[in-house]
Protein backbone atom coordinates (compact mmCIF):
# COMPACT_ATOMS: atom_id res chain seq x y z
CA MET A 1 -5.57 -10.45 2.47
CA ALA A 2 -8.18 -13.28 2.55
CA GLY A 3 -11.69 -12.37 3.31
CA ARG A 4 -11.14 -8.37 2.99
CA SER A 5 -13.30 -6.75 0.74
CA ASN A 6 -11.74 -4.65 -2.01
CA THR A 7 -12.12 -1.45 -0.36
CA ALA A 8 -9.70 -1.99 2.62
CA ILE A 9 -6.83 0.41 3.43
CA GLY A 10 -4.48 -0.22 5.83
CA LEU A 11 -4.47 2.64 7.83
CA ILE A 12 -1.26 2.71 10.38
CA GLY A 13 -0.95 5.81 12.40
CA GLY A 14 -1.46 8.59 9.66
CA PHE A 15 0.08 6.21 6.91
CA VAL A 16 -1.18 3.42 4.72
CA LEU A 17 0.88 0.25 3.82
CA ALA A 18 1.39 0.30 -0.09
CA LEU A 19 -1.02 -2.72 -0.31
CA SER A 20 -3.09 -3.76 -3.12
CA LEU A 21 -7.10 -3.05 -3.36
CA HIS A 22 -7.43 -6.54 -1.94
CA GLY A 23 -4.83 -5.68 0.85
CA GLY A 24 -5.84 -4.86 4.77
CA PRO A 25 -4.16 -3.51 7.44
CA LEU A 26 -1.96 -5.35 9.97
CA ARG A 27 -4.19 -7.21 12.69
CA ALA A 28 -3.72 -5.99 16.29
CA ASP A 29 -2.58 -9.27 17.56
CA GLU A 30 0.61 -8.73 15.23
CA ALA A 31 2.10 -5.93 16.89
CA PRO A 32 4.16 -5.32 18.74
CA PRO A 33 6.56 -8.23 18.43
CA GLU A 34 7.43 -10.01 21.68
CA LEU A 35 11.10 -9.06 22.74
CA ALA A 36 11.56 -12.74 23.37
CA GLY A 37 14.73 -13.57 24.91
CA ALA A 38 15.56 -9.64 26.30
CA SER A 39 16.78 -9.41 29.60
CA PRO A 40 14.85 -6.86 32.02
CA GLY A 41 17.48 -4.07 31.22
CA GLU A 42 17.53 -4.92 27.52
CA ARG A 43 13.48 -4.87 27.42
CA SER A 44 13.34 -1.70 29.33
CA ALA A 45 15.80 -0.11 27.27
CA ILE A 46 14.53 -1.05 23.95
CA GLN A 47 10.80 -0.07 24.88
CA SER A 48 11.98 2.80 26.22
CA LEU A 49 13.59 3.71 22.98
CA CYS A 50 10.92 2.82 20.82
CA GLY A 51 7.84 4.23 22.81
CA SER A 52 4.30 3.69 22.58
CA ASN A 53 3.46 7.23 20.57
CA ARG A 54 4.05 6.11 17.42
CA SER A 55 2.25 3.72 14.61
CA ALA A 56 2.40 0.01 15.65
CA LEU A 57 4.17 -0.62 12.35
CA MET A 58 7.05 1.66 13.22
CA ARG A 59 7.02 0.42 17.20
CA ASN A 60 7.47 -3.25 15.72
CA MET A 61 10.13 -2.00 13.26
CA CYS A 62 11.94 -0.48 16.06
CA TYR A 63 11.74 -3.40 18.24
CA SER A 64 12.83 -5.72 15.50
CA ASN A 65 16.18 -3.52 14.67
CA GLN A 66 16.86 -3.09 18.43
CA MET A 67 16.88 -6.92 18.69
CA ALA A 68 18.82 -7.19 15.74
CA GLY A 69 21.11 -4.90 17.22
CA LEU A 70 21.82 -7.01 20.39
CA LEU A 71 22.43 -10.13 18.30
CA ARG A 72 25.05 -8.02 16.05
CA LEU A 73 26.85 -5.83 18.89
CA GLY A 74 26.29 -7.84 22.05
CA ARG A 75 24.01 -8.35 25.20
CA LYS A 76 23.58 -6.16 28.22
CA PRO A 77 26.49 -6.68 30.76
CA ASP A 78 25.84 -7.22 34.48
CA LEU A 79 26.72 -4.24 36.30
CA THR A 80 25.10 -5.23 39.63
CA GLY A 81 28.27 -6.25 41.28
CA LEU A 82 30.20 -2.87 40.58
CA THR A 83 30.58 0.09 42.93
CA PRO A 84 28.60 3.16 42.61
CA THR A 85 31.72 5.04 41.61
CA GLN A 86 32.30 2.20 38.78
CA ARG A 87 28.90 2.65 37.75
CA GLU A 88 28.81 6.09 37.31
CA ALA A 89 32.05 6.08 35.27
CA ILE A 90 30.69 3.72 33.12
CA ALA A 91 27.24 5.59 32.73
CA GLY A 92 29.41 8.88 32.04
CA ALA A 93 31.35 7.08 29.36
CA CYS A 94 28.59 5.69 27.60
CA SER A 95 25.83 8.61 27.93
CA SER A 96 26.07 9.72 24.21
CA LYS A 97 24.81 6.01 23.18
CA THR A 98 21.46 6.23 22.77
CA ILE A 99 21.01 2.97 20.76
CA PRO A 100 20.60 0.27 23.29
CA ALA A 101 22.97 -2.34 21.76
CA GLU A 102 25.52 0.53 21.11
CA ARG A 103 25.34 1.54 24.72
CA PHE A 104 25.81 -2.10 25.99
CA ALA A 105 28.55 -2.49 23.61
CA CYS A 106 30.31 0.58 25.16
CA GLU A 107 29.62 -0.54 29.01
CA ARG A 108 31.09 -4.01 28.09
CA ALA A 109 34.26 -2.24 26.29
CA GLN A 110 34.74 0.02 29.86
CA LEU A 111 34.38 -3.23 31.89
CA THR A 112 36.94 -4.83 29.82
CA SER A 113 39.27 -1.86 29.95
CA ALA A 114 39.02 -1.77 33.43
CA GLY A 115 40.04 -5.26 34.09
CA LEU A 116 36.40 -6.26 35.28
CA PRO A 117 34.58 -9.54 34.64
CA VAL A 118 32.22 -9.33 31.73
CA ARG A 119 28.93 -11.35 32.20
CA ASN A 120 25.69 -10.89 30.39
CA GLU A 121 22.75 -9.65 32.59
CA PRO A 122 20.77 -12.51 34.23
CA GLY A 123 17.26 -12.90 32.95
CA GLY A 124 17.84 -13.02 29.38
CA GLY A 125 17.75 -15.90 27.14
CA ALA A 126 18.04 -17.35 23.57
CA LEU A 127 17.34 -14.40 20.98
CA HIS A 128 14.57 -16.10 18.49
CA MET A 129 13.32 -12.94 17.26
CA GLU A 130 13.01 -12.92 13.62
CA PRO A 131 9.61 -14.88 12.61
CA ALA A 132 8.83 -16.32 9.28
CA ALA A 133 5.05 -16.70 7.87
CA SER A 134 5.00 -19.64 5.84
CA GLY A 135 6.64 -21.59 3.36
CA SER A 136 9.75 -23.80 3.49
CA PRO A 137 13.05 -22.49 5.46
CA ILE A 138 16.19 -23.11 3.69
CA SER A 139 17.21 -24.92 6.42
CA PRO A 140 14.99 -27.48 8.26
CA ASN A 141 17.05 -27.09 11.48
CA ILE A 142 16.26 -23.58 11.87
CA PRO A 143 15.16 -23.04 15.70
CA LYS A 144 11.44 -22.52 16.21
CA GLY A 145 10.03 -20.46 18.93
CA PRO A 146 6.49 -19.44 19.91
CA GLN A 147 3.91 -18.44 17.55
CA VAL A 148 3.12 -14.60 16.86
CA ALA A 149 0.04 -14.67 14.82
CA GLY A 150 0.74 -18.02 13.55
CA LEU A 151 4.29 -17.36 12.29
CA PRO A 152 7.14 -19.66 13.17
CA PHE A 153 10.24 -18.09 14.44
CA PHE A 154 13.32 -18.33 12.67
CA SER A 155 17.10 -17.33 13.74
CA LEU A 156 18.92 -14.35 12.55
CA GLU A 157 22.04 -16.16 13.43
CA LYS A 158 21.39 -19.14 11.39
CA TRP A 159 19.97 -16.84 8.43
CA ARG A 160 23.11 -15.12 8.37
CA THR A 161 25.27 -18.32 7.40
CA GLU A 162 22.48 -19.22 4.52
CA ARG A 163 21.47 -15.85 3.07
CA PRO A 164 22.83 -14.52 -0.32
CA PRO A 165 25.41 -11.59 0.08
CA MET A 166 24.03 -8.15 -0.72
CA PRO A 167 24.89 -7.30 -4.42
CA ALA A 168 27.66 -4.56 -4.45
CA ALA A 169 26.66 -1.20 -5.78
CA HIS A 170 27.73 -0.33 -9.45
CA SER A 171 28.86 2.94 -10.17
CA GLY A 172 28.71 4.87 -13.80
CA PRO A 173 26.88 7.83 -15.23
CA ALA A 174 23.34 8.66 -14.78
CA LEU A 175 21.02 6.66 -17.19
CA SER A 176 18.19 8.32 -18.94
CA PRO A 177 14.58 7.35 -17.52
CA GLU A 178 14.25 5.21 -20.45
CA ALA A 179 17.30 3.32 -20.27
CA LEU A 180 16.92 2.97 -16.30
CA TYR A 181 13.56 1.50 -17.04
CA ASN A 182 14.79 -1.12 -19.57
CA LEU A 183 17.77 -2.12 -16.95
CA ILE A 184 15.81 -2.17 -13.79
CA SER A 185 12.32 -3.81 -15.07
CA PRO A 186 13.56 -7.15 -15.56
CA SER A 187 13.88 -7.54 -11.95
CA ILE A 188 10.67 -6.77 -10.67
CA TYR A 189 7.64 -9.21 -10.09
CA VAL A 190 4.20 -9.17 -9.20
CA VAL A 191 3.29 -11.13 -6.10
CA VAL A 192 0.14 -12.57 -5.38
CA ALA A 193 -0.64 -14.23 -2.25
CA SER A 194 -3.45 -16.33 -0.93
CA GLU A 195 -4.55 -18.86 1.88
CA HIS A 196 -5.57 -21.47 -0.74
CA ALA A 197 -3.98 -22.60 -3.86
CA MET A 198 -7.38 -22.55 -5.96
CA GLN A 199 -7.72 -18.65 -4.93
CA ILE A 200 -4.77 -17.92 -6.73
CA VAL A 201 -6.10 -19.19 -9.71
CA GLN A 202 -9.45 -17.64 -9.34
CA TYR A 203 -8.23 -14.35 -7.76
CA ALA A 204 -11.22 -14.77 -5.45
CA ALA A 205 -9.44 -13.45 -2.07
CA TYR A 206 -5.69 -12.59 -2.23
CA SER A 207 -3.09 -9.85 -1.28
CA GLN A 208 -1.19 -8.40 -4.05
CA GLY A 209 2.14 -6.63 -4.09
CA SER A 210 5.40 -6.64 -5.70
CA ALA A 211 9.00 -8.19 -5.29
CA VAL A 212 12.62 -7.35 -6.35
CA ALA A 213 15.01 -10.02 -7.34
CA ILE A 214 18.20 -10.13 -6.00
CA THR A 215 19.65 -13.37 -7.23
CA ASP A 216 18.39 -15.70 -9.92
CA ARG A 217 16.17 -17.50 -7.27
CA ILE A 218 15.46 -15.19 -4.34
CA LEU A 219 13.47 -11.83 -4.26
CA LEU A 220 13.09 -9.05 -1.34
CA THR A 221 9.41 -8.12 -0.31
CA ASN A 222 7.47 -6.66 2.50
CA CYS A 223 6.21 -9.09 4.99
CA HIS A 224 2.74 -7.62 4.74
CA VAL A 225 2.06 -8.76 1.50
CA VAL A 226 2.53 -12.30 2.37
CA ALA A 227 1.42 -12.57 5.79
CA GLY A 228 -0.88 -15.29 6.65
CA GLN A 229 -1.06 -16.21 2.94
CA PRO A 230 0.94 -19.55 2.48
CA GLN A 231 0.17 -19.91 -1.34
CA ILE A 232 2.48 -17.50 -2.97
CA SER A 233 3.08 -17.09 -6.70
CA ILE A 234 5.04 -14.60 -8.70
CA SER A 235 4.57 -13.40 -12.26
CA LYS A 236 5.97 -11.23 -15.00
CA THR A 237 4.57 -10.41 -18.25
CA GLY A 238 2.06 -13.41 -18.39
CA GLN A 239 4.72 -16.07 -16.88
CA THR A 240 4.01 -17.28 -13.52
CA GLY A 241 5.61 -19.55 -11.13
CA ARG A 242 5.30 -20.68 -7.53
CA ALA A 243 7.55 -18.96 -4.72
CA SER A 244 8.19 -19.95 -0.93
CA LEU A 245 8.83 -17.55 2.13
CA ILE A 246 12.22 -18.47 2.93
CA TYR A 247 12.99 -16.08 5.76
CA ALA A 248 11.17 -13.07 7.34
CA ASP A 249 11.40 -10.45 9.91
CA PRO A 250 7.33 -9.11 10.15
CA GLY A 251 8.53 -6.58 13.06
CA GLY A 252 10.95 -5.05 10.33
CA ASP A 253 8.52 -5.88 7.43
CA ARG A 254 11.32 -7.33 5.68
CA CYS A 255 10.89 -10.96 3.71
CA PHE A 256 12.70 -13.01 1.22
CA LEU A 257 10.98 -15.02 -1.17
CA ARG A 258 12.57 -18.13 -3.30
CA SER A 259 11.12 -18.57 -6.86
CA ASP A 260 10.51 -22.41 -6.94
CA ASP A 261 10.21 -23.27 -10.64
CA MET A 262 11.30 -20.38 -12.82
CA PRO A 263 14.65 -18.19 -12.57
CA VAL A 264 14.68 -14.65 -12.09
CA MET A 265 16.57 -11.80 -13.13
CA PRO A 266 18.77 -10.16 -10.14
CA VAL A 267 19.42 -6.30 -9.84
CA LYS A 268 22.78 -4.99 -10.88
CA GLY A 269 23.36 -3.60 -7.41
CA VAL A 270 22.36 -2.45 -3.93
CA ARG A 271 23.32 1.24 -2.84
CA ARG A 272 24.09 1.76 0.94
CA PHE A 273 21.92 4.07 2.95
CA ASP A 274 24.65 6.31 3.99
CA ASP A 275 25.78 6.89 0.40
CA LEU A 276 22.13 8.46 -0.48
CA HIS A 277 21.68 12.28 -0.64
CA VAL A 278 18.56 14.26 -0.12
CA GLY A 279 17.56 15.68 -3.62
CA GLU A 280 18.85 13.16 -5.69
CA SER A 281 16.69 11.45 -8.50
CA VAL A 282 14.89 8.47 -7.47
CA PHE A 283 12.77 5.98 -9.53
CA SER A 284 9.87 3.57 -8.01
CA ILE A 285 8.72 0.62 -10.00
CA GLY A 286 6.12 -1.82 -8.92
CA THR A 287 2.49 -2.93 -9.29
CA PRO A 288 0.02 -0.17 -8.10
CA VAL A 289 -3.64 -1.40 -8.36
CA GLY A 290 -2.40 -4.48 -10.21
CA LEU A 291 -0.73 -2.25 -12.87
CA GLU A 292 2.23 -4.57 -13.66
CA LEU A 293 5.81 -2.46 -13.86
CA SER A 294 4.37 1.03 -13.35
CA TYR A 295 7.31 3.51 -13.34
CA GLY A 296 7.68 6.75 -11.90
CA GLN A 297 10.28 9.63 -11.08
CA GLY A 298 10.87 11.62 -7.77
CA ILE A 299 13.46 12.98 -5.42
CA VAL A 300 15.07 11.78 -2.12
CA SER A 301 12.98 14.22 0.35
CA GLY A 302 14.75 12.81 3.25
CA LEU A 303 17.06 10.16 5.06
CA ARG A 304 14.99 9.06 8.07
CA ASP A 305 16.42 6.87 11.00
CA PHE A 306 13.82 5.92 13.40
CA GLU A 307 16.06 4.69 16.25
CA GLY A 308 17.43 1.96 13.72
CA VAL A 309 14.80 1.77 11.54
CA ARG A 310 16.16 3.55 8.29
CA MET A 311 13.85 5.02 5.67
CA VAL A 312 14.07 6.51 2.35
CA GLN A 313 11.60 9.34 2.17
CA ASN A 314 10.78 10.16 -1.29
CA SER A 315 8.40 11.48 -3.84
CA ALA A 316 8.46 8.91 -6.32
CA PRO A 317 5.17 7.42 -7.17
CA THR A 318 3.64 4.95 -4.93
CA TRP A 319 0.09 3.31 -4.26
CA HIS A 320 -1.56 0.62 -3.03
CA GLY A 321 0.09 -2.56 -4.83
CA SER A 322 3.44 -0.70 -4.84
CA SER A 323 4.49 -3.07 -1.58
CA GLY A 324 7.92 -4.82 -2.21
CA GLY A 325 8.59 -2.93 -5.20
CA GLY A 326 11.73 -1.20 -5.84
CA LEU A 327 13.18 2.32 -5.30
CA PHE A 328 16.03 2.80 -7.73
CA ASP A 329 18.65 5.38 -8.10
CA ALA A 330 19.66 6.80 -11.49
CA GLN A 331 22.41 4.29 -11.88
CA GLY A 332 20.17 1.41 -11.62
CA ASN A 333 21.03 0.54 -8.08
CA LEU A 334 18.41 -0.57 -5.69
CA VAL A 335 18.08 1.72 -2.68
CA GLY A 336 15.02 0.87 -1.25
CA ILE A 337 11.91 -1.50 -0.78
CA THR A 338 8.46 0.74 -1.01
CA THR A 339 6.74 -0.07 1.76
CA MET A 340 4.51 3.31 3.06
CA ILE A 341 2.63 6.22 1.86
CA SER A 342 1.05 8.98 3.77
CA ALA A 343 -2.74 8.69 4.12
CA THR A 344 -2.92 12.67 4.02
CA VAL A 345 0.06 14.40 2.52
CA PRO A 346 0.91 14.22 -1.16
CA ASN A 347 3.94 12.78 -2.34
CA LEU A 348 5.17 11.39 1.16
CA ASN A 349 6.24 7.98 0.60
CA PHE A 350 8.77 5.75 2.78
CA SER A 351 10.73 2.82 1.40
CA ILE A 352 12.98 0.67 3.67
CA ALA A 353 16.45 0.92 3.13
CA ALA A 354 17.48 -1.82 0.94
CA GLU A 355 20.60 -2.28 2.76
CA ASP A 356 18.71 -3.15 5.82
CA PHE A 357 17.63 -6.15 4.37
CA TRP A 358 20.80 -7.58 5.36
CA PRO A 359 20.96 -7.05 8.98
């Protein structure tokens, strides 16, 4: 990020974001995100689940995913008018639901089946919880909310009507590493973000990472690559173009870029998290320490679900500058976006599940 030395490393709770050498840690005022619009019961349940004994990044991602769950599954119902017996019956029926939004959906279903009124718990408001950093939104009518570290809020509900569909996974035989590289490398781009346009040209102070194309104009990356850096460029093998940030979920570290003046080559498919298997081969490709299209092989070493934040733990090579790069299976499907590496344990890398860019 601008103004940081070329030795800055973003240490987050024993892990580092896979930033470039010019990158840096997320600022303290960027975490945790406000649970804007959540009712008292929703806020209490989410904070209890996400806890405080974890890294700021993982806690923010947990908050963001739980708020998205409320939008997807429904709000917490008002149980204050029920008798103690009715509340106990609902609590017993929903006790196995540990994720807040799933428990609230269960409570609503129990109220409906009992013929009782279903109303949202009082004290909540509109859920505007997905901020975007800089650049032009797809629609100028996307609702704006309060600022979080200078980032305007976008609406997930609005974005769902405008975002491109998730590319379907494709099947077929496993490719050789060489054939796979030839298939996936055209979809990987270098991202350079800076506070001022001239700094992109001069490379004086900037953040550098990677991005993965999913349409001929739209790419995925990590928000920490571009946060606070409104001037964004993408490049491949000497060709450079401008890009804009069109949607972001900084808490989940999931950002969408739009290529403004050159077409990009989309990936062949995106594979769902539940279809992955521990032990299968995966391949990372990105821009570690500025080395474009660096490629390596590893295995899926774990499939982690941190209360709704799904990560593909893997041993494929990842280093600073790899943030926003792609993790692929042997058929060429995108399975994750490379995000974090262990600060102390070799070959312990984490990629956000690619499917979760479509909450």
